[in-house]
Amino acid sequence: MRPSALLIAASALTSTLVSSLAIEKRASNAWPEAIRSFYVAAARSLDSIPASTLASLSPSSCNIASAKMPSIPGLPPVTPGLSLYHVAIGRGTQNYTCDIAHPSTAPVAAGATAILYNTTCISCIAPEALEMLPSSSLLVPTPKENKPLFPALALTSGNHYFSDLTTPTFNLHTAKANFGIQFTKLLTKVPVPDDKQQLGQDQSEAVAWLKLSSTNAPEGLASDSSSVKEIYRVNTAGGSPPKTCDASPASFEVQYAAEYWFWG
């Protein structure tokens, strides 16, 4: 690897994602280990690309057709005819409730909230690094709206939340772009493959991998045009609740992160 590959990779990814942070000015050893590992992996992925090419990268130059979604045993494949539309890292919380009068019962899922970060270009040019981002992003505090987690996660795509208890929603409205609102329903979920388990900082297990499909807006909510038809949640990190409600409050959150692949 070229001696400067780490900084070249970091600089290129920052430029690609229109980051407002000057990554070259921050010593790499100031980052947590997982974040340093991310940039090392990015450098490996980009090491064969001439520095002049890296310096010219921009969102419009990323060839989304070259991105490859991870193999997902047990989940149905992408419907023929659909193309990759967007790739994002979701960073937020999985939410749960407990019947505190019955501590031996299991927590009940109560939706999720997350900020979505645009990683489409990273998925094209540094897939090894992309896989590290969910666990790396859990090393920094819960993000605030429109604030970067760290330089590679600087451009937000929008927000993920639940419109009701059964409708995962992806609002891709930002100040820079409007890609619509995706109302979805769960098609299939599978346990995390054993070799892909990524624990949260609280040692919570990773939440399941999912395939979602588009659905109508819940009653009372305005529909918004979107070409997205299917969304996959893969490479999850953290987010699972404890096995029982023993010692848990009536409602609580568990930090999580995941890759989201949008197809339309």
C-alpha atoms as a PDB file:
ATOM      1  CA  MET A   1       0.000   0.000   0.000  1.00  0.00           C
ATOM      2  CA  ARG A   2       1.306   3.456  -0.815  1.00  0.00           C
ATOM      3  CA  PRO A   3       2.392   5.333   2.352  1.00  0.00           C
ATOM      4  CA  SER A   4      -0.117   8.073   1.662  1.00  0.00           C
ATOM      5  CA  ALA A   5      -2.945   5.699   0.764  1.00  0.00           C
ATOM      6  CA  LEU A   6      -4.800   6.210   4.051  1.00  0.00           C
ATOM      7  CA  LEU A   7      -4.978   9.969   3.655  1.00  0.00           C
ATOM      8  CA  ILE A   8      -5.715   9.690  -0.074  1.00  0.00           C
ATOM      9  CA  ALA A   9      -8.595   7.335   0.659  1.00  0.00           C
ATOM     10  CA  ALA A  10      -9.936   9.546   3.410  1.00  0.00           C
ATOM     11  CA  SER A  11      -9.620  12.653   1.264  1.00  0.00           C
ATOM     12  CA  ALA A  12     -11.276  10.973  -1.719  1.00  0.00           C
ATOM     13  CA  LEU A  13     -14.197   9.648   0.272  1.00  0.00           C
ATOM     14  CA  THR A  14     -14.681  12.989   1.964  1.00  0.00           C
ATOM     15  CA  SER A  15     -14.694  14.752  -1.412  1.00  0.00           C
ATOM     16  CA  THR A  16     -16.996  12.122  -2.863  1.00  0.00           C
ATOM     17  CA  LEU A  17     -19.569  12.593  -0.114  1.00  0.00           C
ATOM     18  CA  VAL A  18     -19.312  16.385  -0.182  1.00  0.00           C
ATOM     19  CA  SER A  19     -18.012  16.454   3.365  1.00  0.00           C
ATOM     20  CA  SER A  20     -17.523  19.806   5.056  1.00  0.00           C
ATOM     21  CA  LEU A  21     -14.738  18.448   7.215  1.00  0.00           C
ATOM     22  CA  ALA A  22     -11.047  18.605   6.287  1.00  0.00           C
ATOM     23  CA  ILE A  23      -9.996  15.048   7.013  1.00  0.00           C
ATOM     24  CA  GLU A  24      -6.321  15.703   6.244  1.00  0.00           C
ATOM     25  CA  LYS A  25      -6.141  18.000   9.258  1.00  0.00           C
ATOM     26  CA  ARG A  26      -7.170  15.306  11.715  1.00  0.00           C
ATOM     27  CA  ALA A  27      -4.579  12.798  12.875  1.00  0.00           C
ATOM     28  CA  SER A  28      -5.783   9.282  12.062  1.00  0.00           C
ATOM     29  CA  ASN A  29      -4.667   7.996  15.473  1.00  0.00           C
ATOM     30  CA  ALA A  30      -7.259  10.286  17.090  1.00  0.00           C
ATOM     31  CA  TRP A  31     -10.070   8.090  15.803  1.00  0.00           C
ATOM     32  CA  PRO A  32     -11.368   4.951  17.518  1.00  0.00           C
ATOM     33  CA  GLU A  33      -9.832   1.730  16.232  1.00  0.00           C
ATOM     34  CA  ALA A  34     -12.855   0.708  14.180  1.00  0.00           C
ATOM     35  CA  ILE A  35     -12.903   4.062  12.377  1.00  0.00           C
ATOM     36  CA  ARG A  36      -9.170   3.841  11.666  1.00  0.00           C
ATOM     37  CA  SER A  37      -9.807   0.338  10.314  1.00  0.00           C
ATOM     38  CA  PHE A  38     -12.490   1.728   8.047  1.00  0.00           C
ATOM     39  CA  TYR A  39     -10.073   4.169   6.435  1.00  0.00           C
ATOM     40  CA  VAL A  40      -7.380   1.499   6.136  1.00  0.00           C
ATOM     41  CA  ALA A  41      -9.894  -0.710   4.323  1.00  0.00           C
ATOM     42  CA  ALA A  42     -10.886   2.193   2.102  1.00  0.00           C
ATOM     43  CA  ALA A  43      -7.221   2.756   1.270  1.00  0.00           C
ATOM     44  CA  ARG A  44      -6.826  -0.887   0.286  1.00  0.00           C
ATOM     45  CA  SER A  45      -9.856  -0.677  -1.981  1.00  0.00           C
ATOM     46  CA  LEU A  46      -8.568   2.484  -3.639  1.00  0.00           C
ATOM     47  CA  ASP A  47      -4.870   1.683  -3.680  1.00  0.00           C
ATOM     48  CA  SER A  48      -4.852   0.670  -7.346  1.00  0.00           C
ATOM     49  CA  ILE A  49      -6.618   3.857  -8.441  1.00  0.00           C
ATOM     50  CA  PRO A  50      -4.292   6.712  -9.504  1.00  0.00           C
ATOM     51  CA  ALA A  51      -4.249   9.638  -7.108  1.00  0.00           C
ATOM     52  CA  SER A  52      -5.308  11.973  -9.923  1.00  0.00           C
ATOM     53  CA  THR A  53      -8.453   9.892 -10.441  1.00  0.00           C
ATOM     54  CA  LEU A  54      -9.223   9.861  -6.729  1.00  0.00           C
ATOM     55  CA  ALA A  55      -8.871  13.605  -6.529  1.00  0.00           C
ATOM     56  CA  SER A  56     -11.439  14.060  -9.286  1.00  0.00           C
ATOM     57  CA  LEU A  57     -14.120  11.846  -7.731  1.00  0.00           C
ATOM     58  CA  SER A  58     -17.528  13.395  -7.202  1.00  0.00           C
ATOM     59  CA  PRO A  59     -21.020  11.979  -6.568  1.00  0.00           C
ATOM     60  CA  SER A  60     -21.836  12.253 -10.273  1.00  0.00           C
ATOM     61  CA  SER A  61     -18.784  10.151 -11.189  1.00  0.00           C
ATOM     62  CA  CYS A  62     -19.779   7.136  -9.076  1.00  0.00           C
ATOM     63  CA  ASN A  63     -20.943   4.203 -11.192  1.00  0.00           C
ATOM     64  CA  ILE A  64     -23.789   2.805  -9.097  1.00  0.00           C
ATOM     65  CA  ALA A  65     -24.079  -0.194 -11.413  1.00  0.00           C
ATOM     66  CA  SER A  66     -20.735  -1.433 -10.071  1.00  0.00           C
ATOM     67  CA  ALA A  67     -21.998  -1.697  -6.473  1.00  0.00           C
ATOM     68  CA  LYS A  68     -22.709  -5.220  -5.233  1.00  0.00           C
ATOM     69  CA  MET A  69     -25.146  -5.859  -2.396  1.00  0.00           C
ATOM     70  CA  PRO A  70     -23.938  -8.494   0.095  1.00  0.00           C
ATOM     71  CA  SER A  71     -25.085 -12.064  -0.366  1.00  0.00           C
ATOM     72  CA  ILE A  72     -28.166 -12.589   1.788  1.00  0.00           C
ATOM     73  CA  PRO A  73     -28.988 -16.253   2.466  1.00  0.00           C
ATOM     74  CA  GLY A  74     -32.677 -16.723   3.146  1.00  0.00           C
ATOM     75  CA  LEU A  75     -33.912 -13.401   1.781  1.00  0.00           C
ATOM     76  CA  PRO A  76     -35.679 -13.295  -1.605  1.00  0.00           C
ATOM     77  CA  PRO A  77     -33.556 -11.827  -4.394  1.00  0.00           C
ATOM     78  CA  VAL A  78     -34.160  -8.417  -5.894  1.00  0.00           C
ATOM     79  CA  THR A  79     -37.134  -8.513  -8.245  1.00  0.00           C
ATOM     80  CA  PRO A  80     -35.954  -8.783 -11.876  1.00  0.00           C
ATOM     81  CA  GLY A  81     -35.997  -5.471 -13.682  1.00  0.00           C
ATOM     82  CA  LEU A  82     -35.177  -3.325 -10.668  1.00  0.00           C
ATOM     83  CA  SER A  83     -31.934  -1.343 -10.472  1.00  0.00           C
ATOM     84  CA  LEU A  84     -29.950  -0.077  -7.511  1.00  0.00           C
ATOM     85  CA  TYR A  85     -31.198   3.388  -6.587  1.00  0.00           C
ATOM     86  CA  HIS A  86     -29.353   4.372  -3.420  1.00  0.00           C
ATOM     87  CA  VAL A  87     -27.212   3.004  -0.564  1.00  0.00           C
ATOM     88  CA  ALA A  88     -27.268   4.472   2.937  1.00  0.00           C
ATOM     89  CA  ILE A  89     -26.067   3.776   6.446  1.00  0.00           C
ATOM     90  CA  GLY A  90     -28.810   4.134   9.028  1.00  0.00           C
ATOM     91  CA  ARG A  91     -27.633   5.150  12.507  1.00  0.00           C
ATOM     92  CA  GLY A  92     -30.105   5.451  15.349  1.00  0.00           C
ATOM     93  CA  THR A  93     -32.118   3.322  17.754  1.00  0.00           C
ATOM     94  CA  GLN A  94     -34.394   0.305  17.770  1.00  0.00           C
ATOM     95  CA  ASN A  95     -37.235   1.009  20.198  1.00  0.00           C
ATOM     96  CA  TYR A  96     -38.982  -1.392  22.589  1.00  0.00           C
ATOM     97  CA  THR A  97     -41.629  -1.551  25.297  1.00  0.00           C
ATOM     98  CA  CYS A  98     -41.914  -3.825  28.322  1.00  0.00           C
ATOM     99  CA  ASP A  99     -44.721  -5.011  30.544  1.00  0.00           C
ATOM    100  CA  ILE A 100     -42.931  -4.261  33.794  1.00  0.00           C
ATOM    101  CA  ALA A 101     -45.585  -6.189  35.719  1.00  0.00           C
ATOM    102  CA  HIS A 102     -44.338  -9.339  33.994  1.00  0.00           C
ATOM    103  CA  PRO A 103     -40.531  -9.131  33.929  1.00  0.00           C
ATOM    104  CA  SER A 104     -40.106 -12.624  32.478  1.00  0.00           C
ATOM    105  CA  THR A 105     -41.799 -11.626  29.211  1.00  0.00           C
ATOM    106  CA  ALA A 106     -39.862 -10.520  26.153  1.00  0.00           C
ATOM    107  CA  PRO A 107     -39.631  -6.867  25.087  1.00  0.00           C
ATOM    108  CA  VAL A 108     -41.962  -5.847  22.254  1.00  0.00           C
ATOM    109  CA  ALA A 109     -40.642  -3.983  19.218  1.00  0.00           C
ATOM    110  CA  ALA A 110     -41.974  -0.430  18.953  1.00  0.00           C
ATOM    111  CA  GLY A 111     -40.386   0.836  15.752  1.00  0.00           C
ATOM    112  CA  ALA A 112     -37.082   2.540  15.100  1.00  0.00           C
ATOM    113  CA  THR A 113     -35.610   5.925  14.284  1.00  0.00           C
ATOM    114  CA  ALA A 114     -32.406   6.639  12.396  1.00  0.00           C
ATOM    115  CA  ILE A 115     -30.619   9.250  10.365  1.00  0.00           C
ATOM    116  CA  LEU A 116     -29.656   7.951   6.922  1.00  0.00           C
ATOM    117  CA  TYR A 117     -26.199   8.776   5.557  1.00  0.00           C
ATOM    118  CA  ASN A 118     -25.423   8.641   1.845  1.00  0.00           C
ATOM    119  CA  THR A 119     -22.874   5.875   1.160  1.00  0.00           C
ATOM    120  CA  THR A 120     -23.704   5.190  -2.476  1.00  0.00           C
ATOM    121  CA  CYS A 121     -20.242   6.169  -3.700  1.00  0.00           C
ATOM    122  CA  ILE A 122     -18.495   4.197  -0.965  1.00  0.00           C
ATOM    123  CA  SER A 123     -20.484   1.127  -2.013  1.00  0.00           C
ATOM    124  CA  CYS A 124     -19.082   1.563  -5.532  1.00  0.00           C
ATOM    125  CA  ILE A 125     -15.431   2.319  -4.831  1.00  0.00           C
ATOM    126  CA  ALA A 126     -14.707   0.834  -1.389  1.00  0.00           C
ATOM    127  CA  PRO A 127     -17.079  -2.055  -0.587  1.00  0.00           C
ATOM    128  CA  GLU A 128     -14.707  -3.518   2.013  1.00  0.00           C
ATOM    129  CA  ALA A 129     -14.868  -0.236   3.893  1.00  0.00           C
ATOM    130  CA  LEU A 130     -18.647   0.019   3.546  1.00  0.00           C
ATOM    131  CA  GLU A 131     -19.069  -3.239   5.457  1.00  0.00           C
ATOM    132  CA  MET A 132     -17.204  -1.735   8.413  1.00  0.00           C
ATOM    133  CA  LEU A 133     -19.339   1.391   8.665  1.00  0.00           C
ATOM    134  CA  PRO A 134     -22.256   0.056  10.765  1.00  0.00           C
ATOM    135  CA  SER A 135     -20.051  -1.089  13.650  1.00  0.00           C
ATOM    136  CA  SER A 136     -17.744   1.931  13.260  1.00  0.00           C
ATOM    137  CA  SER A 137     -20.647   4.361  13.456  1.00  0.00           C
ATOM    138  CA  LEU A 138     -21.694   2.959  16.835  1.00  0.00           C
ATOM    139  CA  LEU A 139     -18.429   4.239  18.330  1.00  0.00           C
ATOM    140  CA  VAL A 140     -19.561   7.849  18.165  1.00  0.00           C
ATOM    141  CA  PRO A 141     -22.512   9.469  19.974  1.00  0.00           C
ATOM    142  CA  THR A 142     -26.039   9.291  18.624  1.00  0.00           C
ATOM    143  CA  PRO A 143     -26.106  11.778  15.749  1.00  0.00           C
ATOM    144  CA  LYS A 144     -28.014  15.005  15.721  1.00  0.00           C
ATOM    145  CA  GLU A 145     -30.125  15.980  12.750  1.00  0.00           C
ATOM    146  CA  ASN A 146     -28.024  16.875   9.680  1.00  0.00           C
ATOM    147  CA  LYS A 147     -24.772  16.484  11.602  1.00  0.00           C
ATOM    148  CA  PRO A 148     -21.950  14.212  10.379  1.00  0.00           C
ATOM    149  CA  LEU A 149     -20.920  11.202  12.421  1.00  0.00           C
ATOM    150  CA  PHE A 150     -17.378  11.401  11.093  1.00  0.00           C
ATOM    151  CA  PRO A 151     -16.014  12.535   7.714  1.00  0.00           C
ATOM    152  CA  ALA A 152     -17.109   9.497   5.671  1.00  0.00           C
ATOM    153  CA  LEU A 153     -20.647   9.852   7.017  1.00  0.00           C
ATOM    154  CA  ALA A 154     -21.166  13.527   6.377  1.00  0.00           C
ATOM    155  CA  LEU A 155     -23.916  13.768   3.767  1.00  0.00           C
ATOM    156  CA  THR A 156     -27.374  12.855   5.013  1.00  0.00           C
ATOM    157  CA  SER A 157     -29.934  11.106   2.806  1.00  0.00           C
ATOM    158  CA  GLY A 158     -32.898  11.635   5.108  1.00  0.00           C
ATOM    159  CA  ASN A 159     -34.593   9.848   8.003  1.00  0.00           C
ATOM    160  CA  HIS A 160     -35.965   6.430   8.843  1.00  0.00           C
ATOM    161  CA  TYR A 161     -38.891   6.046  11.236  1.00  0.00           C
ATOM    162  CA  PHE A 162     -42.200   4.204  11.563  1.00  0.00           C
ATOM    163  CA  SER A 163     -45.403   5.914  10.396  1.00  0.00           C
ATOM    164  CA  ASP A 164     -47.300   3.352  12.469  1.00  0.00           C
ATOM    165  CA  LEU A 165     -46.315   0.095  14.167  1.00  0.00           C
ATOM    166  CA  THR A 166     -46.214  -1.820  10.878  1.00  0.00           C
ATOM    167  CA  THR A 167     -44.996   0.756   8.347  1.00  0.00           C
ATOM    168  CA  PRO A 168     -41.232   1.373   8.194  1.00  0.00           C
ATOM    169  CA  THR A 169     -40.815   4.718   6.459  1.00  0.00           C
ATOM    170  CA  PHE A 170     -37.842   6.247   4.669  1.00  0.00           C
ATOM    171  CA  ASN A 171     -38.091   9.991   4.150  1.00  0.00           C
ATOM    172  CA  LEU A 172     -35.446  11.004   1.619  1.00  0.00           C
ATOM    173  CA  HIS A 173     -36.183  14.721   1.708  1.00  0.00           C
ATOM    174  CA  THR A 174     -33.129  16.857   2.486  1.00  0.00           C
ATOM    175  CA  ALA A 175     -32.052  20.432   1.838  1.00  0.00           C
ATOM    176  CA  LYS A 176     -29.991  19.167  -1.125  1.00  0.00           C
ATOM    177  CA  ALA A 177     -32.385  16.705  -2.775  1.00  0.00           C
ATOM    178  CA  ASN A 178     -35.862  15.209  -2.719  1.00  0.00           C
ATOM    179  CA  PHE A 179     -36.077  11.510  -3.533  1.00  0.00           C
ATOM    180  CA  GLY A 180     -39.537  11.041  -2.069  1.00  0.00           C
ATOM    181  CA  ILE A 181     -40.906   9.105   0.880  1.00  0.00           C
ATOM    182  CA  GLN A 182     -40.931   5.306   0.873  1.00  0.00           C
ATOM    183  CA  PHE A 183     -43.682   3.656   2.905  1.00  0.00           C
ATOM    184  CA  THR A 184     -42.851  -0.023   3.218  1.00  0.00           C
ATOM    185  CA  LYS A 185     -44.006  -3.338   4.640  1.00  0.00           C
ATOM    186  CA  LEU A 186     -41.976  -6.286   5.847  1.00  0.00           C
ATOM    187  CA  LEU A 187     -41.672  -9.124   3.351  1.00  0.00           C
ATOM    188  CA  THR A 188     -39.046 -11.372   4.949  1.00  0.00           C
ATOM    189  CA  LYS A 189     -36.546 -11.304   7.788  1.00  0.00           C
ATOM    190  CA  VAL A 190     -33.708 -13.674   8.572  1.00  0.00           C
ATOM    191  CA  PRO A 191     -31.308 -13.991  11.509  1.00  0.00           C
ATOM    192  CA  VAL A 192     -27.904 -12.410  11.052  1.00  0.00           C
ATOM    193  CA  PRO A 193     -25.481 -14.922   9.522  1.00  0.00           C
ATOM    194  CA  ASP A 194     -23.095 -16.258  12.176  1.00  0.00           C
ATOM    195  CA  ASP A 195     -20.056 -14.843  10.400  1.00  0.00           C
ATOM    196  CA  LYS A 196     -21.655 -11.375  10.123  1.00  0.00           C
ATOM    197  CA  GLN A 197     -22.703 -10.851  13.761  1.00  0.00           C
ATOM    198  CA  GLN A 198     -21.719  -7.325  14.900  1.00  0.00           C
ATOM    199  CA  LEU A 199     -22.397  -6.522  18.535  1.00  0.00           C
ATOM    200  CA  GLY A 200     -23.318  -3.059  19.703  1.00  0.00           C
ATOM    201  CA  GLN A 201     -21.239  -1.139  22.217  1.00  0.00           C
ATOM    202  CA  ASP A 202     -23.684  -2.376  24.858  1.00  0.00           C
ATOM    203  CA  GLN A 203     -23.069  -5.952  23.631  1.00  0.00           C
ATOM    204  CA  SER A 204     -26.540  -6.119  22.088  1.00  0.00           C
ATOM    205  CA  GLU A 205     -26.767  -8.586  19.227  1.00  0.00           C
ATOM    206  CA  ALA A 206     -27.385  -7.338  15.703  1.00  0.00           C
ATOM    207  CA  VAL A 207     -30.993  -7.028  14.577  1.00  0.00           C
ATOM    208  CA  ALA A 208     -32.272  -9.247  11.775  1.00  0.00           C
ATOM    209  CA  TRP A 209     -31.633  -8.674   8.086  1.00  0.00           C
ATOM    210  CA  LEU A 210     -34.783  -7.660   6.165  1.00  0.00           C
ATOM    211  CA  LYS A 211     -36.398  -7.299   2.796  1.00  0.00           C
ATOM    212  CA  LEU A 212     -39.064  -4.579   2.645  1.00  0.00           C
ATOM    213  CA  SER A 213     -41.364  -3.676  -0.222  1.00  0.00           C
ATOM    214  CA  SER A 214     -43.212  -0.481  -1.016  1.00  0.00           C
ATOM    215  CA  THR A 215     -46.793  -0.088   0.136  1.00  0.00           C
ATOM    216  CA  ASN A 216     -49.494   2.570   0.279  1.00  0.00           C
ATOM    217  CA  ALA A 217     -49.225   5.456   2.703  1.00  0.00           C
ATOM    218  CA  PRO A 218     -51.043   4.844   5.992  1.00  0.00           C
ATOM    219  CA  GLU A 219     -54.457   6.463   6.278  1.00  0.00           C
ATOM    220  CA  GLY A 220     -54.211  10.190   6.851  1.00  0.00           C
ATOM    221  CA  LEU A 221     -50.680  10.538   5.469  1.00  0.00           C
ATOM    222  CA  ALA A 222     -49.939  12.124   2.120  1.00  0.00           C
ATOM    223  CA  SER A 223     -48.264   9.911  -0.458  1.00  0.00           C
ATOM    224  CA  ASP A 224     -45.080  11.110  -2.126  1.00  0.00           C
ATOM    225  CA  SER A 225     -43.730  10.009  -5.465  1.00  0.00           C
ATOM    226  CA  SER A 226     -40.807   7.610  -5.291  1.00  0.00           C
ATOM    227  CA  SER A 227     -39.385   5.053  -7.681  1.00  0.00           C
ATOM    228  CA  VAL A 228     -38.136   2.836  -4.849  1.00  0.00           C
ATOM    229  CA  LYS A 229     -39.856  -0.557  -4.784  1.00  0.00           C
ATOM    230  CA  GLU A 230     -37.705  -2.685  -2.461  1.00  0.00           C
ATOM    231  CA  ILE A 231     -35.326  -1.992   0.433  1.00  0.00           C
ATOM    232  CA  TYR A 232     -32.896  -4.404   2.064  1.00  0.00           C
ATOM    233  CA  ARG A 233     -31.484  -3.958   5.564  1.00  0.00           C
ATOM    234  CA  VAL A 234     -28.192  -5.849   5.859  1.00  0.00           C
ATOM    235  CA  ASN A 235     -24.890  -5.777   7.769  1.00  0.00           C
ATOM    236  CA  THR A 236     -26.652  -4.715  10.939  1.00  0.00           C
ATOM    237  CA  ALA A 237     -24.812  -3.847  14.154  1.00  0.00           C
ATOM    238  CA  GLY A 238     -26.446  -3.879  17.585  1.00  0.00           C
ATOM    239  CA  GLY A 239     -30.094  -3.042  18.180  1.00  0.00           C
ATOM    240  CA  SER A 240     -31.472  -6.265  19.701  1.00  0.00           C
ATOM    241  CA  PRO A 241     -33.195  -6.098  23.104  1.00  0.00           C
ATOM    242  CA  PRO A 242     -32.420  -8.275  26.128  1.00  0.00           C
ATOM    243  CA  LYS A 243     -34.182 -11.643  26.174  1.00  0.00           C
ATOM    244  CA  THR A 244     -36.605 -10.604  28.908  1.00  0.00           C
ATOM    245  CA  CYS A 245     -37.964  -7.440  30.494  1.00  0.00           C
ATOM    246  CA  ASP A 246     -36.242  -8.137  33.793  1.00  0.00           C
ATOM    247  CA  ALA A 247     -34.663  -4.855  35.000  1.00  0.00           C
ATOM    248  CA  SER A 248     -35.889  -2.982  31.886  1.00  0.00           C
ATOM    249  CA  PRO A 249     -38.048   0.172  31.985  1.00  0.00           C
ATOM    250  CA  ALA A 250     -41.477   0.380  30.342  1.00  0.00           C
ATOM    251  CA  SER A 251     -39.885   1.761  27.181  1.00  0.00           C
ATOM    252  CA  PHE A 252     -36.273   1.914  26.058  1.00  0.00           C
ATOM    253  CA  GLU A 253     -33.977   2.282  23.066  1.00  0.00           C
ATOM    254  CA  VAL A 254     -31.066   0.190  21.813  1.00  0.00           C
ATOM    255  CA  GLN A 255     -28.417   1.769  19.600  1.00  0.00           C
ATOM    256  CA  TYR A 256     -28.053   0.240  16.138  1.00  0.00           C
ATOM    257  CA  ALA A 257     -26.693   0.820  12.651  1.00  0.00           C
ATOM    258  CA  ALA A 258     -27.226  -0.919   9.325  1.00  0.00           C
ATOM    259  CA  GLU A 259     -26.761  -0.755   5.595  1.00  0.00           C
ATOM    260  CA  TYR A 260     -29.898   0.041   3.588  1.00  0.00           C
ATOM    261  CA  TRP A 261     -29.994  -0.819  -0.131  1.00  0.00           C
ATOM    262  CA  PHE A 262     -32.771   0.849  -2.129  1.00  0.00           C
ATOM    263  CA  TRP A 263     -33.971  -0.676  -5.427  1.00  0.00           C
ATOM    264  CA  GLY A 264     -36.357   0.798  -7.946  1.00  0.00           C
END
